[in-house]
C-alpha atoms as a PDB file:
ATOM      1  CA  MET A   1      85.492  97.454  75.802  1.00  0.00           C
ATOM      2  CA  SER A   2      84.805 100.647  73.756  1.00  0.00           C
ATOM      3  CA  ALA A   3      84.508 100.636  69.876  1.00  0.00           C
ATOM      4  CA  ALA A   4      87.844 102.592  69.783  1.00  0.00           C
ATOM      5  CA  GLU A   5      89.567 100.007  71.960  1.00  0.00           C
ATOM      6  CA  ASP A   6      88.186  97.152  69.630  1.00  0.00           C
ATOM      7  CA  LYS A   7      89.234  99.103  66.468  1.00  0.00           C
ATOM      8  CA  LEU A   8      92.784  99.599  67.967  1.00  0.00           C
ATOM      9  CA  ILE A   9      93.166  96.103  68.737  1.00  0.00           C
ATOM     10  CA  ASP A  10      92.015  94.946  65.329  1.00  0.00           C
ATOM     11  CA  ILE A  11      94.435  97.277  63.774  1.00  0.00           C
ATOM     12  CA  ILE A  12      97.390  96.165  66.078  1.00  0.00           C
ATOM     13  CA  ARG A  13      96.604  92.479  65.293  1.00  0.00           C
ATOM     14  CA  SER A  14      96.868  93.111  61.552  1.00  0.00           C
ATOM     15  CA  LEU A  15     100.301  94.600  61.779  1.00  0.00           C
ATOM     16  CA  PRO A  16     103.529  92.528  61.424  1.00  0.00           C
ATOM     17  CA  GLU A  17     105.228  91.813  64.855  1.00  0.00           C
ATOM     18  CA  LYS A  18     107.966  94.479  64.336  1.00  0.00           C
ATOM     19  CA  GLU A  19     105.485  97.080  63.886  1.00  0.00           C
ATOM     20  CA  GLN A  20     103.467  95.892  66.844  1.00  0.00           C
ATOM     21  CA  GLU A  21     106.442  96.377  68.966  1.00  0.00           C
ATOM     22  CA  GLU A  22     106.722  99.907  67.609  1.00  0.00           C
ATOM     23  CA  VAL A  23     103.062 100.506  68.432  1.00  0.00           C
ATOM     24  CA  LEU A  24     103.721  99.306  72.000  1.00  0.00           C
ATOM     25  CA  ASP A  25     106.769 101.578  72.425  1.00  0.00           C
ATOM     26  CA  PHE A  26     104.690 104.443  71.335  1.00  0.00           C
ATOM     27  CA  ALA A  27     101.838 103.468  73.834  1.00  0.00           C
ATOM     28  CA  ASN A  28     104.369 103.134  76.557  1.00  0.00           C
ATOM     29  CA  TYR A  29     105.615 106.675  75.758  1.00  0.00           C
ATOM     30  CA  LEU A  30     102.025 108.091  75.815  1.00  0.00           C
ATOM     31  CA  LYS A  31     101.429 106.457  79.173  1.00  0.00           C
ATOM     32  CA  GLN A  32     104.718 107.870  80.731  1.00  0.00           C
ATOM     33  CA  LYS A  33     103.864 111.207  79.254  1.00  0.00           C
ATOM     34  CA  LYS A  34     100.431 111.273  81.015  1.00  0.00           C
ATOM     35  CA  ASP A  35     101.985 109.900  84.189  1.00  0.00           C
ATOM     36  CA  LYS A  36     104.485 112.715  84.182  1.00  0.00           C
ATOM     37  CA  GLN A  37     101.782 115.224  83.563  1.00  0.00           C
ATOM     38  CA  SER A  38      99.923 114.016  86.539  1.00  0.00           C
ATOM     39  CA  ARG A  39     103.150 114.135  88.684  1.00  0.00           C
ATOM     40  CA  ASP A  40     103.840 117.583  87.504  1.00  0.00           C
ATOM     41  CA  PHE A  41     100.410 118.719  88.331  1.00  0.00           C
ATOM     42  CA  ILE A  42     100.477 117.117  91.806  1.00  0.00           C
ATOM     43  CA  SER A  43     103.989 118.719  92.479  1.00  0.00           C
ATOM     44  CA  LYS A  44     102.472 122.149  91.918  1.00  0.00           C
ATOM     45  CA  ILE A  45      99.818 121.899  94.475  1.00  0.00           C
ATOM     46  CA  PRO A  46     100.931 123.868  97.598  1.00  0.00           C
ATOM     47  CA  GLU A  47     101.460 122.010 100.833  1.00  0.00           C
ATOM     48  CA  VAL A  48      99.329 123.229 103.467  1.00  0.00           C
ATOM     49  CA  GLU A  49     100.226 122.569 107.356  1.00  0.00           C
ATOM     50  CA  GLU A  50      97.086 122.957 109.242  1.00  0.00           C
ATOM     51  CA  GLU A  51      95.361 120.696 111.760  1.00  0.00           C
ATOM     52  CA  LEU A  52      92.688 118.366 110.621  1.00  0.00           C
ATOM     53  CA  THR A  53      89.075 119.317 111.558  1.00  0.00           C
ATOM     54  CA  GLU A  54      86.487 116.783 112.787  1.00  0.00           C
ATOM     55  CA  GLU A  55      84.882 117.329 109.429  1.00  0.00           C
ATOM     56  CA  ASP A  56      88.205 116.372 107.760  1.00  0.00           C
ATOM     57  CA  LEU A  57      88.523 113.308 109.842  1.00  0.00           C
ATOM     58  CA  LYS A  58      85.078 112.195 109.160  1.00  0.00           C
ATOM     59  CA  ALA A  59      85.624 112.659 105.339  1.00  0.00           C
ATOM     60  CA  ILE A  60      88.836 110.598 105.677  1.00  0.00           C
ATOM     61  CA  GLU A  61      87.036 107.843 107.442  1.00  0.00           C
ATOM     62  CA  GLN A  62      84.296 107.875 104.765  1.00  0.00           C
ATOM     63  CA  ALA A  63      86.976 107.796 102.054  1.00  0.00           C
ATOM     64  CA  ARG A  64      88.406 104.727 103.760  1.00  0.00           C
ATOM     65  CA  GLU A  65      85.112 102.985 104.056  1.00  0.00           C
ATOM     66  CA  ASP A  66      84.616 103.765 100.129  1.00  0.00           C
ATOM     67  CA  VAL A  67      87.856 102.042  99.410  1.00  0.00           C
ATOM     68  CA  LYS A  68      87.104  98.957 101.368  1.00  0.00           C
ATOM     69  CA  ALA A  69      83.635  98.745  99.650  1.00  0.00           C
ATOM     70  CA  GLY A  70      85.202  99.274  96.186  1.00  0.00           C
ATOM     71  CA  ARG A  71      83.491 102.607  95.610  1.00  0.00           C
ATOM     72  CA  VAL A  72      86.657 103.892  93.842  1.00  0.00           C
ATOM     73  CA  TYR A  73      87.772 104.764  90.248  1.00  0.00           C
ATOM     74  CA  SER A  74      91.109 103.782  88.636  1.00  0.00           C
ATOM     75  CA  ALA A  75      93.423 106.672  87.544  1.00  0.00           C
ATOM     76  CA  GLU A  76      92.478 105.632  83.993  1.00  0.00           C
ATOM     77  CA  GLU A  77      88.640 106.071  84.662  1.00  0.00           C
ATOM     78  CA  VAL A  78      89.439 109.527  86.294  1.00  0.00           C
ATOM     79  CA  TYR A  79      91.506 110.623  83.324  1.00  0.00           C
ATOM     80  CA  LYS A  80      88.917 109.436  80.876  1.00  0.00           C
ATOM     81  CA  ARG A  81      86.088 111.259  82.794  1.00  0.00           C
ATOM     82  CA  LEU A  82      88.223 114.495  83.020  1.00  0.00           C
ATOM     83  CA  GLY A  83      89.194 114.305  79.484  1.00  0.00           C
ATOM     84  CA  ILE A  84      92.861 114.135  80.097  1.00  0.00           C
END
């Protein structure tokens, strides 16, 4: 856990229950906002209808192997790395 996460948890624990609920509501709002931004970004990517090349098929197979082997990043990790 990062120092910021530790500090946030300490602050939340120090608040009365009612205010903790408000923090939770706000955190959910921020998450929904980020999810909406991601959906909006993805929806703007144009769809391309072209046949997959042999190279494409190999890359897809490699990606499947990566997923099976656990060589993946969560959406949260990707956002953090990209600074979004």
